[in-house]
């Protein structure tokens, strides 16, 4: 399966925006497998971030994970204040405590404008962004989280497998 649509300015990206290797993760903030992949991906970016463009797309499995969508909306709301990756990381680093109140506590810790954050989390555009990410995952053949794509092609393996592949194919 291939990635649909391809990576654009609408995506949250980090690393080298001109990298020849683009990795896309479809993730769910409450998924234990995404939580386990998170430190592996952080290490990957620490080691190869200057050679990779990393993209995160929301894929909240709301039927199984009651706080996943709310967490995705919180990250999107933080994005409006320039703190998407900080909120993304904070949610994964506190995943075991995820509940209705956690995003607000994290927003306070990250120094966000709280009245703005509270208002933004309910904005229709953010709900549409999460839905658009999710729909792109469905079109791309995502059927669970985390799901990875390398340069537009579905990668069937774990974050560890992905790290190993990058390590084997990267020139230092």
C-alpha atoms as a PDB file:
ATOM      1  CA  UNK A   1       0.000   0.000   0.000  1.00  0.00           C
ATOM      2  CA  UNK A   2       1.126   3.525  -0.629  1.00  0.00           C
ATOM      3  CA  UNK A   3       0.655   6.725   1.335  1.00  0.00           C
ATOM      4  CA  UNK A   4      -2.327   8.855   0.317  1.00  0.00           C
ATOM      5  CA  UNK A   5      -2.062  11.808   0.200  1.00  0.00           C
ATOM      6  CA  UNK A   6       1.668  12.355   0.145  1.00  0.00           C
ATOM      7  CA  UNK A   7       3.354  14.478   2.794  1.00  0.00           C
ATOM      8  CA  UNK A   8       2.484  18.182   2.610  1.00  0.00           C
ATOM      9  CA  UNK A   9       2.678  21.389   4.606  1.00  0.00           C
ATOM     10  CA  UNK A  10      -0.502  20.316   6.400  1.00  0.00           C
ATOM     11  CA  UNK A  11       1.521  17.590   8.154  1.00  0.00           C
ATOM     12  CA  UNK A  12       3.455  17.857  11.410  1.00  0.00           C
ATOM     13  CA  UNK A  13       7.074  17.164  10.509  1.00  0.00           C
ATOM     14  CA  UNK A  14      10.413  17.230  12.255  1.00  0.00           C
ATOM     15  CA  UNK A  15      13.973  16.531  11.245  1.00  0.00           C
ATOM     16  CA  UNK A  16      15.339  17.569   7.862  1.00  0.00           C
ATOM     17  CA  UNK A  17      12.581  18.953   5.615  1.00  0.00           C
ATOM     18  CA  UNK A  18      14.784  18.248   2.564  1.00  0.00           C
ATOM     19  CA  UNK A  19      15.700  14.682   3.559  1.00  0.00           C
ATOM     20  CA  UNK A  20      15.502  11.949   0.965  1.00  0.00           C
ATOM     21  CA  UNK A  21      14.075   9.570   3.612  1.00  0.00           C
ATOM     22  CA  UNK A  22      10.545  10.410   4.751  1.00  0.00           C
ATOM     23  CA  UNK A  23       9.026   8.344   7.546  1.00  0.00           C
ATOM     24  CA  UNK A  24       5.337   8.743   8.351  1.00  0.00           C
ATOM     25  CA  UNK A  25       3.794   7.327  11.514  1.00  0.00           C
ATOM     26  CA  UNK A  26       0.067   6.899  11.968  1.00  0.00           C
ATOM     27  CA  UNK A  27      -0.306   6.926  15.728  1.00  0.00           C
ATOM     28  CA  UNK A  28      -2.814   6.773  18.545  1.00  0.00           C
ATOM     29  CA  UNK A  29      -1.786   8.530  21.756  1.00  0.00           C
ATOM     30  CA  UNK A  30      -3.427   5.883  23.952  1.00  0.00           C
ATOM     31  CA  UNK A  31      -2.150   2.837  22.030  1.00  0.00           C
ATOM     32  CA  UNK A  32       0.350   0.859  24.143  1.00  0.00           C
ATOM     33  CA  UNK A  33       2.235  -0.206  20.985  1.00  0.00           C
ATOM     34  CA  UNK A  34       2.609   3.458  19.954  1.00  0.00           C
ATOM     35  CA  UNK A  35       3.761   4.190  23.484  1.00  0.00           C
ATOM     36  CA  UNK A  36       6.406   1.449  23.163  1.00  0.00           C
ATOM     37  CA  UNK A  37       7.465   2.742  19.720  1.00  0.00           C
ATOM     38  CA  UNK A  38       7.819   6.332  20.961  1.00  0.00           C
ATOM     39  CA  UNK A  39      11.259   5.998  22.676  1.00  0.00           C
ATOM     40  CA  UNK A  40      12.578   4.003  19.698  1.00  0.00           C
ATOM     41  CA  UNK A  41      11.483   6.750  17.290  1.00  0.00           C
ATOM     42  CA  UNK A  42      12.994   9.429  19.572  1.00  0.00           C
ATOM     43  CA  UNK A  43      16.294   7.540  19.463  1.00  0.00           C
ATOM     44  CA  UNK A  44      16.033   7.172  15.687  1.00  0.00           C
ATOM     45  CA  UNK A  45      15.562  10.924  15.319  1.00  0.00           C
ATOM     46  CA  UNK A  46      18.383  11.645  17.757  1.00  0.00           C
ATOM     47  CA  UNK A  47      20.740   9.490  15.715  1.00  0.00           C
ATOM     48  CA  UNK A  48      19.526  10.206  12.169  1.00  0.00           C
ATOM     49  CA  UNK A  49      17.294  13.286  12.460  1.00  0.00           C
ATOM     50  CA  UNK A  50      19.458  15.304  10.091  1.00  0.00           C
ATOM     51  CA  UNK A  51      18.857  12.653   7.415  1.00  0.00           C
ATOM     52  CA  UNK A  52      15.145  11.978   7.999  1.00  0.00           C
ATOM     53  CA  UNK A  53      11.929  13.915   7.657  1.00  0.00           C
ATOM     54  CA  UNK A  54       9.599  12.430  10.275  1.00  0.00           C
ATOM     55  CA  UNK A  55       5.843  12.950  10.002  1.00  0.00           C
ATOM     56  CA  UNK A  56       3.138  12.181  12.551  1.00  0.00           C
ATOM     57  CA  UNK A  57      -0.484  11.683  11.519  1.00  0.00           C
ATOM     58  CA  UNK A  58      -3.350  11.112  13.941  1.00  0.00           C
ATOM     59  CA  UNK A  59      -5.047   7.735  13.873  1.00  0.00           C
ATOM     60  CA  UNK A  60      -7.082   7.597  17.098  1.00  0.00           C
ATOM     61  CA  UNK A  61      -8.734   4.205  17.566  1.00  0.00           C
ATOM     62  CA  UNK A  62     -11.583   5.747  19.513  1.00  0.00           C
ATOM     63  CA  UNK A  63     -13.617   2.555  19.927  1.00  0.00           C
ATOM     64  CA  UNK A  64     -10.765   0.986  21.914  1.00  0.00           C
ATOM     65  CA  UNK A  65      -9.095   4.043  23.401  1.00  0.00           C
ATOM     66  CA  UNK A  66     -11.497   6.525  24.970  1.00  0.00           C
ATOM     67  CA  UNK A  67      -8.902   9.318  25.368  1.00  0.00           C
ATOM     68  CA  UNK A  68      -7.097   8.932  22.022  1.00  0.00           C
ATOM     69  CA  UNK A  69      -9.139  11.460  20.063  1.00  0.00           C
ATOM     70  CA  UNK A  70      -9.095  14.014  22.873  1.00  0.00           C
ATOM     71  CA  UNK A  71      -5.290  13.622  23.096  1.00  0.00           C
ATOM     72  CA  UNK A  72      -5.004  14.133  19.317  1.00  0.00           C
ATOM     73  CA  UNK A  73      -7.101  17.305  19.599  1.00  0.00           C
ATOM     74  CA  UNK A  74      -4.890  18.498  22.468  1.00  0.00           C
ATOM     75  CA  UNK A  75      -1.762  18.054  20.329  1.00  0.00           C
ATOM     76  CA  UNK A  76      -3.443  19.916  17.480  1.00  0.00           C
ATOM     77  CA  UNK A  77      -4.486  22.715  19.867  1.00  0.00           C
ATOM     78  CA  UNK A  78      -0.892  22.943  21.141  1.00  0.00           C
ATOM     79  CA  UNK A  79       0.203  23.145  17.502  1.00  0.00           C
ATOM     80  CA  UNK A  80      -1.689  26.427  17.139  1.00  0.00           C
ATOM     81  CA  UNK A  81       0.690  27.813  19.784  1.00  0.00           C
ATOM     82  CA  UNK A  82       3.751  26.299  18.104  1.00  0.00           C
ATOM     83  CA  UNK A  83       4.068  23.388  20.534  1.00  0.00           C
ATOM     84  CA  UNK A  84       2.807  20.329  18.617  1.00  0.00           C
ATOM     85  CA  UNK A  85       5.907  18.190  19.155  1.00  0.00           C
ATOM     86  CA  UNK A  86       6.213  19.241  22.795  1.00  0.00           C
ATOM     87  CA  UNK A  87       2.610  18.134  23.453  1.00  0.00           C
ATOM     88  CA  UNK A  88       3.042  14.990  21.315  1.00  0.00           C
ATOM     89  CA  UNK A  89       6.077  14.001  23.396  1.00  0.00           C
ATOM     90  CA  UNK A  90       4.502  14.952  26.718  1.00  0.00           C
ATOM     91  CA  UNK A  91       1.413  12.822  26.030  1.00  0.00           C
ATOM     92  CA  UNK A  92       3.482   9.769  25.123  1.00  0.00           C
ATOM     93  CA  UNK A  93       5.796  10.323  28.106  1.00  0.00           C
ATOM     94  CA  UNK A  94       2.735  10.406  30.402  1.00  0.00           C
ATOM     95  CA  UNK A  95       0.620   7.875  28.500  1.00  0.00           C
ATOM     96  CA  UNK A  96      -0.075   5.751  31.565  1.00  0.00           C
ATOM     97  CA  UNK A  97      -1.799   8.765  33.177  1.00  0.00           C
ATOM     98  CA  UNK A  98      -3.901   9.679  30.131  1.00  0.00           C
ATOM     99  CA  UNK A  99      -7.358  10.877  31.156  1.00  0.00           C
ATOM    100  CA  UNK A 100      -9.634  13.872  30.554  1.00  0.00           C
ATOM    101  CA  UNK A 101      -7.459  16.186  32.662  1.00  0.00           C
ATOM    102  CA  UNK A 102      -3.963  15.259  31.473  1.00  0.00           C
ATOM    103  CA  UNK A 103      -3.854  17.456  28.323  1.00  0.00           C
ATOM    104  CA  UNK A 104      -4.718  20.540  30.390  1.00  0.00           C
ATOM    105  CA  UNK A 105      -2.017  19.713  32.956  1.00  0.00           C
ATOM    106  CA  UNK A 106       0.487  19.215  30.150  1.00  0.00           C
ATOM    107  CA  UNK A 107      -0.586  22.467  28.477  1.00  0.00           C
ATOM    108  CA  UNK A 108       0.100  24.280  31.757  1.00  0.00           C
ATOM    109  CA  UNK A 109       3.520  22.588  32.058  1.00  0.00           C
ATOM    110  CA  UNK A 110       4.354  23.568  28.473  1.00  0.00           C
ATOM    111  CA  UNK A 111       3.493  27.202  29.234  1.00  0.00           C
ATOM    112  CA  UNK A 112       0.611  27.390  26.768  1.00  0.00           C
ATOM    113  CA  UNK A 113      -2.010  30.127  26.932  1.00  0.00           C
ATOM    114  CA  UNK A 114      -4.616  28.072  28.817  1.00  0.00           C
ATOM    115  CA  UNK A 115      -7.792  30.039  27.903  1.00  0.00           C
ATOM    116  CA  UNK A 116      -6.660  29.859  24.258  1.00  0.00           C
ATOM    117  CA  UNK A 117      -5.871  26.125  24.546  1.00  0.00           C
ATOM    118  CA  UNK A 118      -9.278  25.414  26.127  1.00  0.00           C
ATOM    119  CA  UNK A 119     -11.015  27.266  23.291  1.00  0.00           C
ATOM    120  CA  UNK A 120      -8.858  25.787  20.529  1.00  0.00           C
ATOM    121  CA  UNK A 121      -9.363  22.166  21.580  1.00  0.00           C
ATOM    122  CA  UNK A 122     -13.027  22.545  20.531  1.00  0.00           C
ATOM    123  CA  UNK A 123     -12.338  24.212  17.165  1.00  0.00           C
ATOM    124  CA  UNK A 124     -13.966  22.512  14.191  1.00  0.00           C
ATOM    125  CA  UNK A 125     -10.784  22.858  12.090  1.00  0.00           C
ATOM    126  CA  UNK A 126      -8.881  20.703  14.589  1.00  0.00           C
ATOM    127  CA  UNK A 127     -11.537  17.994  14.550  1.00  0.00           C
ATOM    128  CA  UNK A 128     -11.365  18.107  10.752  1.00  0.00           C
ATOM    129  CA  UNK A 129      -7.536  17.802  10.819  1.00  0.00           C
ATOM    130  CA  UNK A 130      -7.758  14.682  13.025  1.00  0.00           C
ATOM    131  CA  UNK A 131     -10.493  13.245  10.762  1.00  0.00           C
ATOM    132  CA  UNK A 132      -8.487  14.023   7.615  1.00  0.00           C
ATOM    133  CA  UNK A 133      -5.418  12.272   9.066  1.00  0.00           C
ATOM    134  CA  UNK A 134      -7.550   9.280  10.011  1.00  0.00           C
ATOM    135  CA  UNK A 135      -9.188   9.098   6.563  1.00  0.00           C
ATOM    136  CA  UNK A 136      -5.788   9.320   4.864  1.00  0.00           C
ATOM    137  CA  UNK A 137      -4.726   6.353   6.999  1.00  0.00           C
ATOM    138  CA  UNK A 138      -7.748   4.348   5.880  1.00  0.00           C
ATOM    139  CA  UNK A 139      -7.013   5.214   2.207  1.00  0.00           C
ATOM    140  CA  UNK A 140      -3.382   4.211   2.754  1.00  0.00           C
ATOM    141  CA  UNK A 141      -4.281   0.792   4.177  1.00  0.00           C
ATOM    142  CA  UNK A 142      -3.636   1.517   7.845  1.00  0.00           C
ATOM    143  CA  UNK A 143      -5.433  -1.042   9.984  1.00  0.00           C
ATOM    144  CA  UNK A 144      -3.677  -0.596  13.315  1.00  0.00           C
ATOM    145  CA  UNK A 145      -1.234   1.571  15.203  1.00  0.00           C
ATOM    146  CA  UNK A 146       1.512   2.356  14.950  1.00  0.00           C
ATOM    147  CA  UNK A 147       1.695   2.086  11.157  1.00  0.00           C
ATOM    148  CA  UNK A 148       4.742   3.351   9.314  1.00  0.00           C
ATOM    149  CA  UNK A 149       5.443   4.451   5.760  1.00  0.00           C
ATOM    150  CA  UNK A 150       8.907   4.949   4.289  1.00  0.00           C
ATOM    151  CA  UNK A 151       9.062   7.214   1.261  1.00  0.00           C
ATOM    152  CA  UNK A 152       5.376   6.611   0.626  1.00  0.00           C
ATOM    153  CA  UNK A 153       5.381   2.808   0.955  1.00  0.00           C
ATOM    154  CA  UNK A 154       3.847   0.907   3.854  1.00  0.00           C
ATOM    155  CA  UNK A 155       6.499  -0.561   6.129  1.00  0.00           C
ATOM    156  CA  UNK A 156       5.395  -3.838   7.649  1.00  0.00           C
ATOM    157  CA  UNK A 157       7.353  -4.018  10.846  1.00  0.00           C
ATOM    158  CA  UNK A 158       7.906  -2.544  14.273  1.00  0.00           C
ATOM    159  CA  UNK A 159       9.663   0.693  15.202  1.00  0.00           C
ATOM    160  CA  UNK A 160      12.694  -1.445  16.087  1.00  0.00           C
ATOM    161  CA  UNK A 161      12.644  -3.015  12.600  1.00  0.00           C
ATOM    162  CA  UNK A 162      12.385   0.453  11.091  1.00  0.00           C
ATOM    163  CA  UNK A 163      15.339   1.713  13.155  1.00  0.00           C
ATOM    164  CA  UNK A 164      17.405  -1.305  12.079  1.00  0.00           C
ATOM    165  CA  UNK A 165      16.587  -0.736   8.413  1.00  0.00           C
ATOM    166  CA  UNK A 166      17.514   2.949   8.639  1.00  0.00           C
ATOM    167  CA  UNK A 167      20.736   2.076  10.465  1.00  0.00           C
ATOM    168  CA  UNK A 168      21.691  -0.478   7.797  1.00  0.00           C
ATOM    169  CA  UNK A 169      20.973   1.905   4.927  1.00  0.00           C
ATOM    170  CA  UNK A 170      22.246   5.202   6.254  1.00  0.00           C
ATOM    171  CA  UNK A 171      25.607   6.647   5.417  1.00  0.00           C
ATOM    172  CA  UNK A 172      27.156   8.420   8.397  1.00  0.00           C
END
